[in-house]
PDB file of N, CA and C in Angstrom:
ATOM      1  N   UNK A   1       0.606  -0.895  -0.143  1.00  0.00           N
ATOM      2  CA  UNK A   1       0.282  -0.099   0.084  1.00  0.00           C
ATOM      3  C   UNK A   1       1.238   1.275   0.216  1.00  0.00           C
ATOM      4  N   UNK A   2       1.321   2.451  -1.060  1.00  0.00           N
ATOM      5  CA  UNK A   2       1.021   2.924  -1.057  1.00  0.00           C
ATOM      6  C   UNK A   2       1.034   3.809   0.521  1.00  0.00           C
ATOM      7  N   UNK A   3       1.845   4.751   0.982  1.00  0.00           N
ATOM      8  CA  UNK A   3       1.863   5.703   2.045  1.00  0.00           C
ATOM      9  C   UNK A   3       2.663   7.137   1.478  1.00  0.00           C
ATOM     10  N   UNK A   4       1.468   8.342   1.649  1.00  0.00           N
ATOM     11  CA  UNK A   4       1.658   9.864   1.475  1.00  0.00           C
ATOM     12  C   UNK A   4       3.056  10.344   2.301  1.00  0.00           C
ATOM     13  N   UNK A   5       4.280  10.836   1.867  1.00  0.00           N
ATOM     14  CA  UNK A   5       4.856  11.397   3.440  1.00  0.00           C
ATOM     15  C   UNK A   5       4.851  12.310   3.549  1.00  0.00           C
ATOM     16  N   UNK A   6       4.141  13.213   2.449  1.00  0.00           N
ATOM     17  CA  UNK A   6       4.445  14.652   2.962  1.00  0.00           C
ATOM     18  C   UNK A   6       2.872  15.054   2.837  1.00  0.00           C
ATOM     19  N   UNK A   7       1.841  16.077   3.099  1.00  0.00           N
ATOM     20  CA  UNK A   7       0.746  16.656   2.696  1.00  0.00           C
ATOM     21  C   UNK A   7       0.913  17.632   2.977  1.00  0.00           C
ATOM     22  N   UNK A   8       1.119  18.775   2.167  1.00  0.00           N
ATOM     23  CA  UNK A   8       0.093  20.019   2.447  1.00  0.00           C
ATOM     24  C   UNK A   8      -1.090  20.737   1.898  1.00  0.00           C
ATOM     25  N   UNK A   9      -1.820  21.346   3.052  1.00  0.00           N
ATOM     26  CA  UNK A   9      -3.212  20.976   2.445  1.00  0.00           C
ATOM     27  C   UNK A   9      -4.015  22.691   2.700  1.00  0.00           C
ATOM     28  N   UNK A  10      -4.999  23.576   2.588  1.00  0.00           N
ATOM     29  CA  UNK A  10      -5.722  24.219   3.374  1.00  0.00           C
ATOM     30  C   UNK A  10      -7.309  23.843   3.342  1.00  0.00           C
ATOM     31  N   UNK A  11      -7.496  23.938   5.194  1.00  0.00           N
ATOM     32  CA  UNK A  11      -8.959  23.992   5.476  1.00  0.00           C
ATOM     33  C   UNK A  11      -9.730  24.462   4.213  1.00  0.00           C
ATOM     34  N   UNK A  12     -11.243  23.764   4.045  1.00  0.00           N
ATOM     35  CA  UNK A  12     -11.918  24.555   2.969  1.00  0.00           C
ATOM     36  C   UNK A  12     -11.748  24.854   2.152  1.00  0.00           C
ATOM     37  N   UNK A  13     -10.610  24.400   1.386  1.00  0.00           N
ATOM     38  CA  UNK A  13     -10.086  24.187   0.046  1.00  0.00           C
ATOM     39  C   UNK A  13     -10.799  23.596  -0.493  1.00  0.00           C
ATOM     40  N   UNK A  14     -11.381  22.987  -1.749  1.00  0.00           N
ATOM     41  CA  UNK A  14     -11.698  22.297  -2.481  1.00  0.00           C
ATOM     42  C   UNK A  14     -11.494  21.511  -2.840  1.00  0.00           C
ATOM     43  N   UNK A  15     -10.204  22.267  -4.130  1.00  0.00           N
ATOM     44  CA  UNK A  15      -9.479  20.941  -4.437  1.00  0.00           C
ATOM     45  C   UNK A  15      -8.768  20.144  -3.510  1.00  0.00           C
ATOM     46  N   UNK A  16      -8.581  20.910  -1.912  1.00  0.00           N
ATOM     47  CA  UNK A  16      -7.736  19.836  -1.210  1.00  0.00           C
ATOM     48  C   UNK A  16      -9.096  18.931  -0.428  1.00  0.00           C
ATOM     49  N   UNK A  17     -10.529  19.068  -0.842  1.00  0.00           N
ATOM     50  CA  UNK A  17     -11.183  18.730   0.133  1.00  0.00           C
ATOM     51  C   UNK A  17     -11.006  16.867  -0.692  1.00  0.00           C
ATOM     52  N   UNK A  18     -11.024  16.853  -2.057  1.00  0.00           N
ATOM     53  CA  UNK A  18     -11.297  16.038  -3.179  1.00  0.00           C
ATOM     54  C   UNK A  18     -10.056  15.617  -2.629  1.00  0.00           C
ATOM     55  N   UNK A  19      -9.362  15.804  -3.017  1.00  0.00           N
ATOM     56  CA  UNK A  19      -7.807  14.973  -2.625  1.00  0.00           C
ATOM     57  C   UNK A  19      -7.503  14.387  -0.782  1.00  0.00           C
ATOM     58  N   UNK A  20      -8.246  14.826  -0.067  1.00  0.00           N
ATOM     59  CA  UNK A  20      -8.075  14.475   1.723  1.00  0.00           C
ATOM     60  C   UNK A  20      -9.803  12.774   1.141  1.00  0.00           C
ATOM     61  N   UNK A  21     -10.637  12.680   0.074  1.00  0.00           N
ATOM     62  CA  UNK A  21     -11.639  11.608  -0.080  1.00  0.00           C
ATOM     63  C   UNK A  21     -11.315  10.784  -0.618  1.00  0.00           C
ATOM     64  N   UNK A  22     -10.225  10.854  -1.781  1.00  0.00           N
ATOM     65  CA  UNK A  22      -9.018   9.868  -2.185  1.00  0.00           C
ATOM     66  C   UNK A  22      -8.374   9.268  -1.253  1.00  0.00           C
ATOM     67  N   UNK A  23      -7.696   9.925  -0.348  1.00  0.00           N
ATOM     68  CA  UNK A  23      -6.421   9.605   0.071  1.00  0.00           C
ATOM     69  C   UNK A  23      -7.697   8.253   1.195  1.00  0.00           C
ATOM     70  N   UNK A  24      -8.662   9.120   1.491  1.00  0.00           N
ATOM     71  CA  UNK A  24      -9.430   8.049   2.503  1.00  0.00           C
ATOM     72  C   UNK A  24     -10.088   7.057   2.028  1.00  0.00           C
ATOM     73  N   UNK A  25     -11.012   6.803   0.498  1.00  0.00           N
ATOM     74  CA  UNK A  25     -11.358   6.244  -0.249  1.00  0.00           C
ATOM     75  C   UNK A  25     -10.578   4.911  -0.227  1.00  0.00           C
ATOM     76  N   UNK A  26      -9.572   5.552  -0.702  1.00  0.00           N
ATOM     77  CA  UNK A  26      -8.086   4.816  -0.814  1.00  0.00           C
ATOM     78  C   UNK A  26      -7.682   3.534   0.104  1.00  0.00           C
ATOM     79  N   UNK A  27      -7.519   4.230   0.958  1.00  0.00           N
ATOM     80  CA  UNK A  27      -7.491   4.012   2.640  1.00  0.00           C
ATOM     81  C   UNK A  27      -5.633   4.581   2.337  1.00  0.00           C
ATOM     82  N   UNK A  28      -5.078   5.333   2.078  1.00  0.00           N
ATOM     83  CA  UNK A  28      -4.108   5.921   1.898  1.00  0.00           C
ATOM     84  C   UNK A  28      -3.339   7.033   3.183  1.00  0.00           C
ATOM     85  N   UNK A  29      -2.081   6.165   4.331  1.00  0.00           N
ATOM     86  CA  UNK A  29      -2.350   6.571   5.115  1.00  0.00           C
ATOM     87  C   UNK A  29      -1.314   8.140   4.837  1.00  0.00           C
ATOM     88  N   UNK A  30      -1.482   8.977   5.636  1.00  0.00           N
ATOM     89  CA  UNK A  30      -0.199  10.440   5.445  1.00  0.00           C
ATOM     90  C   UNK A  30       0.412  10.684   6.846  1.00  0.00           C
ATOM     91  N   UNK A  31       2.039  10.272   6.203  1.00  0.00           N
ATOM     92  CA  UNK A  31       2.739  10.168   7.677  1.00  0.00           C
ATOM     93  C   UNK A  31       3.232  11.823   7.604  1.00  0.00           C
ATOM     94  N   UNK A  32       3.044  12.362   7.509  1.00  0.00           N
ATOM     95  CA  UNK A  32       2.970  14.020   8.539  1.00  0.00           C
ATOM     96  C   UNK A  32       2.585  14.814   7.480  1.00  0.00           C
ATOM     97  N   UNK A  33       1.788  15.752   7.700  1.00  0.00           N
ATOM     98  CA  UNK A  33       0.833  16.555   6.711  1.00  0.00           C
ATOM     99  C   UNK A  33       1.169  18.256   7.752  1.00  0.00           C
ATOM    100  N   UNK A  34       0.590  19.123   6.755  1.00  0.00           N
ATOM    101  CA  UNK A  34       0.841  20.855   7.371  1.00  0.00           C
ATOM    102  C   UNK A  34      -0.295  21.719   6.708  1.00  0.00           C
ATOM    103  N   UNK A  35      -0.448  22.205   7.446  1.00  0.00           N
ATOM    104  CA  UNK A  35      -2.005  23.294   7.266  1.00  0.00           C
ATOM    105  C   UNK A  35      -0.954  24.174   7.127  1.00  0.00           C
ATOM    106  N   UNK A  36      -1.885  24.513   5.406  1.00  0.00           N
ATOM    107  CA  UNK A  36      -1.390  25.713   4.052  1.00  0.00           C
ATOM    108  C   UNK A  36      -1.757  27.173   4.904  1.00  0.00           C
ATOM    109  N   UNK A  37      -2.293  27.346   5.779  1.00  0.00           N
ATOM    110  CA  UNK A  37      -3.169  28.727   6.701  1.00  0.00           C
ATOM    111  C   UNK A  37      -1.944  28.243   7.600  1.00  0.00           C
ATOM    112  N   UNK A  38      -1.700  27.474   8.364  1.00  0.00           N
ATOM    113  CA  UNK A  38      -0.605  27.989   9.850  1.00  0.00           C
ATOM    114  C   UNK A  38       1.401  27.566   9.856  1.00  0.00           C
ATOM    115  N   UNK A  39       1.326  26.695   7.984  1.00  0.00           N
ATOM    116  CA  UNK A  39       2.718  26.902   8.170  1.00  0.00           C
ATOM    117  C   UNK A  39       2.965  27.273   6.637  1.00  0.00           C
ATOM    118  N   UNK A  40       2.433  28.528   5.792  1.00  0.00           N
ATOM    119  CA  UNK A  40       3.095  29.567   4.526  1.00  0.00           C
ATOM    120  C   UNK A  40       4.317  29.247   4.134  1.00  0.00           C
ATOM    121  N   UNK A  41       4.410  28.467   3.031  1.00  0.00           N
ATOM    122  CA  UNK A  41       5.546  27.719   2.285  1.00  0.00           C
ATOM    123  C   UNK A  41       5.794  28.289   1.109  1.00  0.00           C
ATOM    124  N   UNK A  42       6.792  29.035   0.846  1.00  0.00           N
ATOM    125  CA  UNK A  42       7.002  30.845   0.004  1.00  0.00           C
ATOM    126  C   UNK A  42       8.006  29.863  -0.974  1.00  0.00           C
ATOM    127  N   UNK A  43       8.266  30.644  -1.755  1.00  0.00           N
ATOM    128  CA  UNK A  43       9.828  30.116  -2.972  1.00  0.00           C
ATOM    129  C   UNK A  43      10.460  29.409  -2.859  1.00  0.00           C
ATOM    130  N   UNK A  44      11.406  29.826  -1.746  1.00  0.00           N
ATOM    131  CA  UNK A  44      12.929  28.592  -0.857  1.00  0.00           C
ATOM    132  C   UNK A  44      12.048  28.219  -0.428  1.00  0.00           C
ATOM    133  N   UNK A  45      10.430  27.495  -0.376  1.00  0.00           N
ATOM    134  CA  UNK A  45      10.738  26.469   0.762  1.00  0.00           C
ATOM    135  C   UNK A  45      10.098  25.609  -0.867  1.00  0.00           C
ATOM    136  N   UNK A  46       9.190  26.240  -1.771  1.00  0.00           N
ATOM    137  CA  UNK A  46       8.976  25.029  -3.393  1.00  0.00           C
ATOM    138  C   UNK A  46       9.698  24.905  -3.657  1.00  0.00           C
ATOM    139  N   UNK A  47      11.364  24.758  -3.589  1.00  0.00           N
ATOM    140  CA  UNK A  47      12.182  25.070  -4.389  1.00  0.00           C
ATOM    141  C   UNK A  47      13.465  23.737  -3.467  1.00  0.00           C
ATOM    142  N   UNK A  48      12.842  23.958  -2.546  1.00  0.00           N
ATOM    143  CA  UNK A  48      13.368  22.822  -1.500  1.00  0.00           C
ATOM    144  C   UNK A  48      12.741  21.815  -1.513  1.00  0.00           C
ATOM    145  N   UNK A  49      11.941  21.456  -1.724  1.00  0.00           N
ATOM    146  CA  UNK A  49      10.745  20.167  -1.751  1.00  0.00           C
ATOM    147  C   UNK A  49      11.471  19.965  -2.611  1.00  0.00           C
ATOM    148  N   UNK A  50      11.490  20.639  -3.801  1.00  0.00           N
ATOM    149  CA  UNK A  50      11.423  20.504  -5.786  1.00  0.00           C
ATOM    150  C   UNK A  50      12.725  19.365  -5.744  1.00  0.00           C
ATOM    151  N   UNK A  51      13.618  20.259  -5.065  1.00  0.00           N
ATOM    152  CA  UNK A  51      15.434  19.485  -4.790  1.00  0.00           C
ATOM    153  C   UNK A  51      15.135  17.813  -4.449  1.00  0.00           C
ATOM    154  N   UNK A  52      14.343  17.407  -4.069  1.00  0.00           N
ATOM    155  CA  UNK A  52      14.131  16.151  -2.888  1.00  0.00           C
ATOM    156  C   UNK A  52      13.696  15.383  -3.643  1.00  0.00           C
ATOM    157  N   UNK A  53      12.832  15.521  -4.985  1.00  0.00           N
ATOM    158  CA  UNK A  53      12.300  14.885  -5.631  1.00  0.00           C
ATOM    159  C   UNK A  53      12.623  14.438  -6.863  1.00  0.00           C
ATOM    160  N   UNK A  54      12.313  13.237  -8.167  1.00  0.00           N
ATOM    161  CA  UNK A  54      12.999  12.830  -9.070  1.00  0.00           C
ATOM    162  C   UNK A  54      11.393  13.560 -10.327  1.00  0.00           C
ATOM    163  N   UNK A  55      10.420  13.156  -9.790  1.00  0.00           N
ATOM    164  CA  UNK A  55       9.138  13.385 -10.628  1.00  0.00           C
ATOM    165  C   UNK A  55       8.306  14.261  -9.753  1.00  0.00           C
ATOM    166  N   UNK A  56       7.553  15.339 -11.064  1.00  0.00           N
ATOM    167  CA  UNK A  56       6.766  16.797 -10.604  1.00  0.00           C
ATOM    168  C   UNK A  56       5.994  16.372 -11.415  1.00  0.00           C
ATOM    169  N   UNK A  57       4.573  16.207 -10.766  1.00  0.00           N
ATOM    170  CA  UNK A  57       3.035  16.807 -11.730  1.00  0.00           C
ATOM    171  C   UNK A  57       2.922  17.715 -10.675  1.00  0.00           C
ATOM    172  N   UNK A  58       1.888  18.452 -11.661  1.00  0.00           N
ATOM    173  CA  UNK A  58       1.519  19.723 -12.293  1.00  0.00           C
ATOM    174  C   UNK A  58       0.063  20.191 -12.194  1.00  0.00           C
ATOM    175  N   UNK A  59      -0.851  19.834 -11.937  1.00  0.00           N
ATOM    176  CA  UNK A  59      -2.037  19.731 -12.352  1.00  0.00           C
ATOM    177  C   UNK A  59      -2.629  21.818 -12.182  1.00  0.00           C
ATOM    178  N   UNK A  60      -2.994  21.698 -13.551  1.00  0.00           N
ATOM    179  CA  UNK A  60      -2.842  23.357 -14.308  1.00  0.00           C
ATOM    180  C   UNK A  60      -4.890  23.523 -15.090  1.00  0.00           C
ATOM    181  N   UNK A  61      -5.921  23.482 -13.754  1.00  0.00           N
ATOM    182  CA  UNK A  61      -7.282  23.385 -14.308  1.00  0.00           C
ATOM    183  C   UNK A  61      -7.401  21.636 -14.875  1.00  0.00           C
ATOM    184  N   UNK A  62      -7.590  21.499 -16.382  1.00  0.00           N
ATOM    185  CA  UNK A  62      -7.003  19.856 -16.971  1.00  0.00           C
ATOM    186  C   UNK A  62      -6.455  18.943 -17.399  1.00  0.00           C
ATOM    187  N   UNK A  63      -4.746  20.653 -17.014  1.00  0.00           N
ATOM    188  CA  UNK A  63      -3.837  20.256 -18.102  1.00  0.00           C
ATOM    189  C   UNK A  63      -2.755  19.809 -16.954  1.00  0.00           C
ATOM    190  N   UNK A  64      -1.996  18.436 -16.923  1.00  0.00           N
ATOM    191  CA  UNK A  64      -1.404  17.684 -16.006  1.00  0.00           C
ATOM    192  C   UNK A  64      -0.125  17.542 -17.159  1.00  0.00           C
ATOM    193  N   UNK A  65       0.566  18.323 -16.165  1.00  0.00           N
ATOM    194  CA  UNK A  65       2.400  17.983 -17.082  1.00  0.00           C
ATOM    195  C   UNK A  65       2.751  17.411 -15.392  1.00  0.00           C
ATOM    196  N   UNK A  66       3.777  16.628 -16.243  1.00  0.00           N
ATOM    197  CA  UNK A  66       4.919  15.826 -16.331  1.00  0.00           C
ATOM    198  C   UNK A  66       6.055  16.640 -16.153  1.00  0.00           C
ATOM    199  N   UNK A  67       7.348  16.826 -14.987  1.00  0.00           N
ATOM    200  CA  UNK A  67       8.509  17.080 -15.348  1.00  0.00           C
ATOM    201  C   UNK A  67       9.531  16.160 -14.614  1.00  0.00           C
ATOM    202  N   UNK A  68      10.179  15.145 -15.765  1.00  0.00           N
ATOM    203  CA  UNK A  68      11.386  14.409 -14.953  1.00  0.00           C
ATOM    204  C   UNK A  68      12.418  15.321 -14.519  1.00  0.00           C
ATOM    205  N   UNK A  69      12.660  15.693 -13.132  1.00  0.00           N
ATOM    206  CA  UNK A  69      14.028  16.116 -13.170  1.00  0.00           C
ATOM    207  C   UNK A  69      14.973  15.940 -13.210  1.00  0.00           C
ATOM    208  N   UNK A  70      15.093  14.758 -13.032  1.00  0.00           N
ATOM    209  CA  UNK A  70      16.853  14.076 -13.204  1.00  0.00           C
ATOM    210  C   UNK A  70      17.093  14.394 -14.714  1.00  0.00           C
ATOM    211  N   UNK A  71      16.212  14.327 -15.581  1.00  0.00           N
ATOM    212  CA  UNK A  71      16.636  14.788 -16.919  1.00  0.00           C
ATOM    213  C   UNK A  71      16.360  16.068 -17.593  1.00  0.00           C
ATOM    214  N   UNK A  72      15.462  16.167 -16.905  1.00  0.00           N
ATOM    215  CA  UNK A  72      14.734  17.758 -17.680  1.00  0.00           C
ATOM    216  C   UNK A  72      14.487  18.672 -16.715  1.00  0.00           C
ATOM    217  N   UNK A  73      15.362  19.461 -15.539  1.00  0.00           N
ATOM    218  CA  UNK A  73      14.859  19.919 -14.847  1.00  0.00           C
ATOM    219  C   UNK A  73      15.033  21.524 -15.230  1.00  0.00           C
ATOM    220  N   UNK A  74      13.175  22.029 -15.025  1.00  0.00           N
ATOM    221  CA  UNK A  74      13.619  23.801 -15.467  1.00  0.00           C
ATOM    222  C   UNK A  74      14.454  24.648 -15.092  1.00  0.00           C
ATOM    223  N   UNK A  75      14.635  25.583 -15.660  1.00  0.00           N
ATOM    224  CA  UNK A  75      14.973  27.117 -14.454  1.00  0.00           C
ATOM    225  C   UNK A  75      14.219  27.190 -13.331  1.00  0.00           C
ATOM    226  N   UNK A  76      14.275  27.558 -11.792  1.00  0.00           N
ATOM    227  CA  UNK A  76      13.916  28.137 -11.026  1.00  0.00           C
ATOM    228  C   UNK A  76      12.534  28.967 -11.251  1.00  0.00           C
ATOM    229  N   UNK A  77      13.291  29.969 -12.151  1.00  0.00           N
ATOM    230  CA  UNK A  77      11.863  30.321 -12.768  1.00  0.00           C
ATOM    231  C   UNK A  77      10.464  29.653 -13.044  1.00  0.00           C
ATOM    232  N   UNK A  78      10.732  29.080 -14.089  1.00  0.00           N
ATOM    233  CA  UNK A  78       9.762  28.296 -14.787  1.00  0.00           C
ATOM    234  C   UNK A  78       9.439  27.008 -13.439  1.00  0.00           C
ATOM    235  N   UNK A  79       9.731  27.138 -12.675  1.00  0.00           N
ATOM    236  CA  UNK A  79       9.616  26.383 -11.469  1.00  0.00           C
ATOM    237  C   UNK A  79       8.477  26.644 -10.655  1.00  0.00           C
ATOM    238  N   UNK A  80       9.261  28.004 -10.120  1.00  0.00           N
ATOM    239  CA  UNK A  80       8.253  28.756  -9.697  1.00  0.00           C
ATOM    240  C   UNK A  80       6.873  29.217  -9.724  1.00  0.00           C
ATOM    241  N   UNK A  81       6.863  29.524 -10.880  1.00  0.00           N
ATOM    242  CA  UNK A  81       5.979  29.067 -12.083  1.00  0.00           C
ATOM    243  C   UNK A  81       4.700  28.264 -11.950  1.00  0.00           C
ATOM    244  N   UNK A  82       5.171  27.249 -12.165  1.00  0.00           N
ATOM    245  CA  UNK A  82       4.436  25.586 -11.719  1.00  0.00           C
ATOM    246  C   UNK A  82       3.542  25.760 -10.227  1.00  0.00           C
ATOM    247  N   UNK A  83       4.958  25.969  -9.255  1.00  0.00           N
ATOM    248  CA  UNK A  83       4.415  25.725  -7.998  1.00  0.00           C
ATOM    249  C   UNK A  83       3.594  27.040  -7.260  1.00  0.00           C
ATOM    250  N   UNK A  84       3.889  28.057  -7.320  1.00  0.00           N
ATOM    251  CA  UNK A  84       3.324  29.074  -6.576  1.00  0.00           C
ATOM    252  C   UNK A  84       2.281  29.557  -7.158  1.00  0.00           C
ATOM    253  N   UNK A  85       1.126  29.810  -6.016  1.00  0.00           N
ATOM    254  CA  UNK A  85      -0.151  30.431  -6.777  1.00  0.00           C
ATOM    255  C   UNK A  85      -0.705  31.483  -6.453  1.00  0.00           C
ATOM    256  N   UNK A  86      -1.818  32.629  -6.671  1.00  0.00           N
ATOM    257  CA  UNK A  86      -1.339  33.946  -6.557  1.00  0.00           C
ATOM    258  C   UNK A  86      -0.936  34.028  -5.558  1.00  0.00           C
ATOM    259  N   UNK A  87      -0.877  33.618  -3.812  1.00  0.00           N
ATOM    260  CA  UNK A  87      -1.137  33.872  -3.107  1.00  0.00           C
ATOM    261  C   UNK A  87       0.447  34.220  -2.793  1.00  0.00           C
ATOM    262  N   UNK A  88       1.395  33.736  -3.577  1.00  0.00           N
ATOM    263  CA  UNK A  88       2.749  33.949  -3.594  1.00  0.00           C
ATOM    264  C   UNK A  88       3.314  32.606  -2.335  1.00  0.00           C
ATOM    265  N   UNK A  89       2.646  32.136  -2.214  1.00  0.00           N
ATOM    266  CA  UNK A  89       2.979  30.576  -1.586  1.00  0.00           C
ATOM    267  C   UNK A  89       3.225  29.214  -2.328  1.00  0.00           C
ATOM    268  N   UNK A  90       3.137  28.249  -2.155  1.00  0.00           N
ATOM    269  CA  UNK A  90       2.948  26.733  -2.368  1.00  0.00           C
ATOM    270  C   UNK A  90       1.813  26.998  -2.802  1.00  0.00           C
ATOM    271  N   UNK A  91       1.091  26.360  -3.779  1.00  0.00           N
ATOM    272  CA  UNK A  91      -0.283  25.625  -4.452  1.00  0.00           C
ATOM    273  C   UNK A  91      -1.109  24.239  -3.094  1.00  0.00           C
ATOM    274  N   UNK A  92      -1.377  24.238  -2.955  1.00  0.00           N
ATOM    275  CA  UNK A  92      -2.329  23.481  -1.599  1.00  0.00           C
ATOM    276  C   UNK A  92      -3.266  22.829  -2.945  1.00  0.00           C
ATOM    277  N   UNK A  93      -3.726  21.272  -2.689  1.00  0.00           N
ATOM    278  CA  UNK A  93      -2.845  20.236  -2.582  1.00  0.00           C
ATOM    279  C   UNK A  93      -1.577  19.955  -2.971  1.00  0.00           C
ATOM    280  N   UNK A  94      -0.694  19.765  -1.993  1.00  0.00           N
ATOM    281  CA  UNK A  94       0.649  19.205  -2.233  1.00  0.00           C
ATOM    282  C   UNK A  94       1.213  17.788  -2.032  1.00  0.00           C
ATOM    283  N   UNK A  95       1.076  16.604  -2.504  1.00  0.00           N
ATOM    284  CA  UNK A  95       1.613  15.290  -1.993  1.00  0.00           C
ATOM    285  C   UNK A  95       3.172  15.217  -2.489  1.00  0.00           C
ATOM    286  N   UNK A  96       4.357  14.233  -1.636  1.00  0.00           N
ATOM    287  CA  UNK A  96       4.898  13.744  -1.492  1.00  0.00           C
ATOM    288  C   UNK A  96       4.932  12.527  -1.187  1.00  0.00           C
ATOM    289  N   UNK A  97       5.360  11.365  -2.134  1.00  0.00           N
ATOM    290  CA  UNK A  97       5.007  10.077  -2.263  1.00  0.00           C
ATOM    291  C   UNK A  97       6.809   9.326  -2.796  1.00  0.00           C
ATOM    292  N   UNK A  98       7.480   9.536  -1.273  1.00  0.00           N
ATOM    293  CA  UNK A  98       8.710   8.623  -2.461  1.00  0.00           C
ATOM    294  C   UNK A  98       9.280  10.090  -2.657  1.00  0.00           C
ATOM    295  N   UNK A  99      10.166   9.861  -3.875  1.00  0.00           N
ATOM    296  CA  UNK A  99      10.497  10.987  -4.666  1.00  0.00           C
ATOM    297  C   UNK A  99      10.180  11.811  -5.461  1.00  0.00           C
ATOM    298  N   UNK A 100       8.331  11.814  -5.600  1.00  0.00           N
ATOM    299  CA  UNK A 100       7.359  12.227  -6.499  1.00  0.00           C
ATOM    300  C   UNK A 100       6.658  13.328  -5.190  1.00  0.00           C
ATOM    301  N   UNK A 101       6.586  14.161  -6.121  1.00  0.00           N
ATOM    302  CA  UNK A 101       5.672  15.511  -5.875  1.00  0.00           C
ATOM    303  C   UNK A 101       4.443  15.517  -6.742  1.00  0.00           C
ATOM    304  N   UNK A 102       3.590  15.919  -6.749  1.00  0.00           N
ATOM    305  CA  UNK A 102       2.223  15.873  -7.384  1.00  0.00           C
ATOM    306  C   UNK A 102       1.660  17.791  -6.386  1.00  0.00           C
ATOM    307  N   UNK A 103       1.315  18.378  -7.648  1.00  0.00           N
ATOM    308  CA  UNK A 103       0.435  20.129  -6.530  1.00  0.00           C
ATOM    309  C   UNK A 103      -0.856  19.554  -7.882  1.00  0.00           C
ATOM    310  N   UNK A 104      -1.475  19.947  -6.878  1.00  0.00           N
ATOM    311  CA  UNK A 104      -2.775  19.872  -7.502  1.00  0.00           C
ATOM    312  C   UNK A 104      -3.421  18.203  -7.586  1.00  0.00           C
ATOM    313  N   UNK A 105      -4.918  18.615  -7.713  1.00  0.00           N
ATOM    314  CA  UNK A 105      -5.281  17.666  -7.685  1.00  0.00           C
ATOM    315  C   UNK A 105      -5.939  16.897  -9.456  1.00  0.00           C
ATOM    316  N   UNK A 106      -5.930  15.389  -9.543  1.00  0.00           N
ATOM    317  CA  UNK A 106      -6.231  15.270 -10.470  1.00  0.00           C
ATOM    318  C   UNK A 106      -6.428  13.840 -10.670  1.00  0.00           C
ATOM    319  N   UNK A 107      -7.758  13.060 -10.805  1.00  0.00           N
ATOM    320  CA  UNK A 107      -8.141  11.916 -10.100  1.00  0.00           C
ATOM    321  C   UNK A 107      -6.586  11.032 -11.187  1.00  0.00           C
ATOM    322  N   UNK A 108      -6.625  11.312 -12.470  1.00  0.00           N
ATOM    323  CA  UNK A 108      -5.999  10.054 -13.053  1.00  0.00           C
ATOM    324  C   UNK A 108      -4.777   9.750 -12.655  1.00  0.00           C
ATOM    325  N   UNK A 109      -4.092  11.650 -12.117  1.00  0.00           N
ATOM    326  CA  UNK A 109      -2.648  10.870 -12.098  1.00  0.00           C
ATOM    327  C   UNK A 109      -2.759  10.957 -10.378  1.00  0.00           C
ATOM    328  N   UNK A 110      -3.614  10.983  -9.494  1.00  0.00           N
ATOM    329  CA  UNK A 110      -3.859  10.630  -8.307  1.00  0.00           C
ATOM    330  C   UNK A 110      -3.578   8.708  -8.087  1.00  0.00           C
ATOM    331  N   UNK A 111      -3.975   7.810  -9.363  1.00  0.00           N
ATOM    332  CA  UNK A 111      -4.908   6.661  -9.472  1.00  0.00           C
ATOM    333  C   UNK A 111      -2.930   5.942 -10.392  1.00  0.00           C
ATOM    334  N   UNK A 112      -1.881   6.894 -11.200  1.00  0.00           N
ATOM    335  CA  UNK A 112      -1.000   6.324 -11.700  1.00  0.00           C
ATOM    336  C   UNK A 112       0.175   6.045 -10.506  1.00  0.00           C
ATOM    337  N   UNK A 113      -0.116   7.488  -9.762  1.00  0.00           N
ATOM    338  CA  UNK A 113       1.039   7.415  -8.185  1.00  0.00           C
ATOM    339  C   UNK A 113       0.915   7.390  -7.173  1.00  0.00           C
ATOM    340  N   UNK A 114      -0.071   7.254  -7.189  1.00  0.00           N
ATOM    341  CA  UNK A 114      -0.772   7.483  -5.141  1.00  0.00           C
ATOM    342  C   UNK A 114      -1.668   5.884  -5.342  1.00  0.00           C
ATOM    343  N   UNK A 115      -1.902   5.454  -6.209  1.00  0.00           N
ATOM    344  CA  UNK A 115      -2.597   4.003  -5.785  1.00  0.00           C
ATOM    345  C   UNK A 115      -4.054   4.009  -6.054  1.00  0.00           C
TER     346      UNK A 115
END
């Protein structure tokens, strides 16, 4: 069974609610969870997180962007454009599973990566 190593969410967020429902439905546990309102993560934090993973999936509307960071790491400005929301903080929900990070919610991506 897959275990989520780290989760970043915002209470009351519709998309974060979809993530929580998916994880609950698939009985997937979370090792560590941070509330975006209590612990806002900014650009430097987002780049530090990305440096710990090999694969990045980012959902933008109905489009999912997959980046293999080992073979095609974009510059920091491009990464921040994907990771940081209009508030200037890391977008929620964000999950880290092993060497994979998922930003946003996409059912198909969650099924593929998380289980």
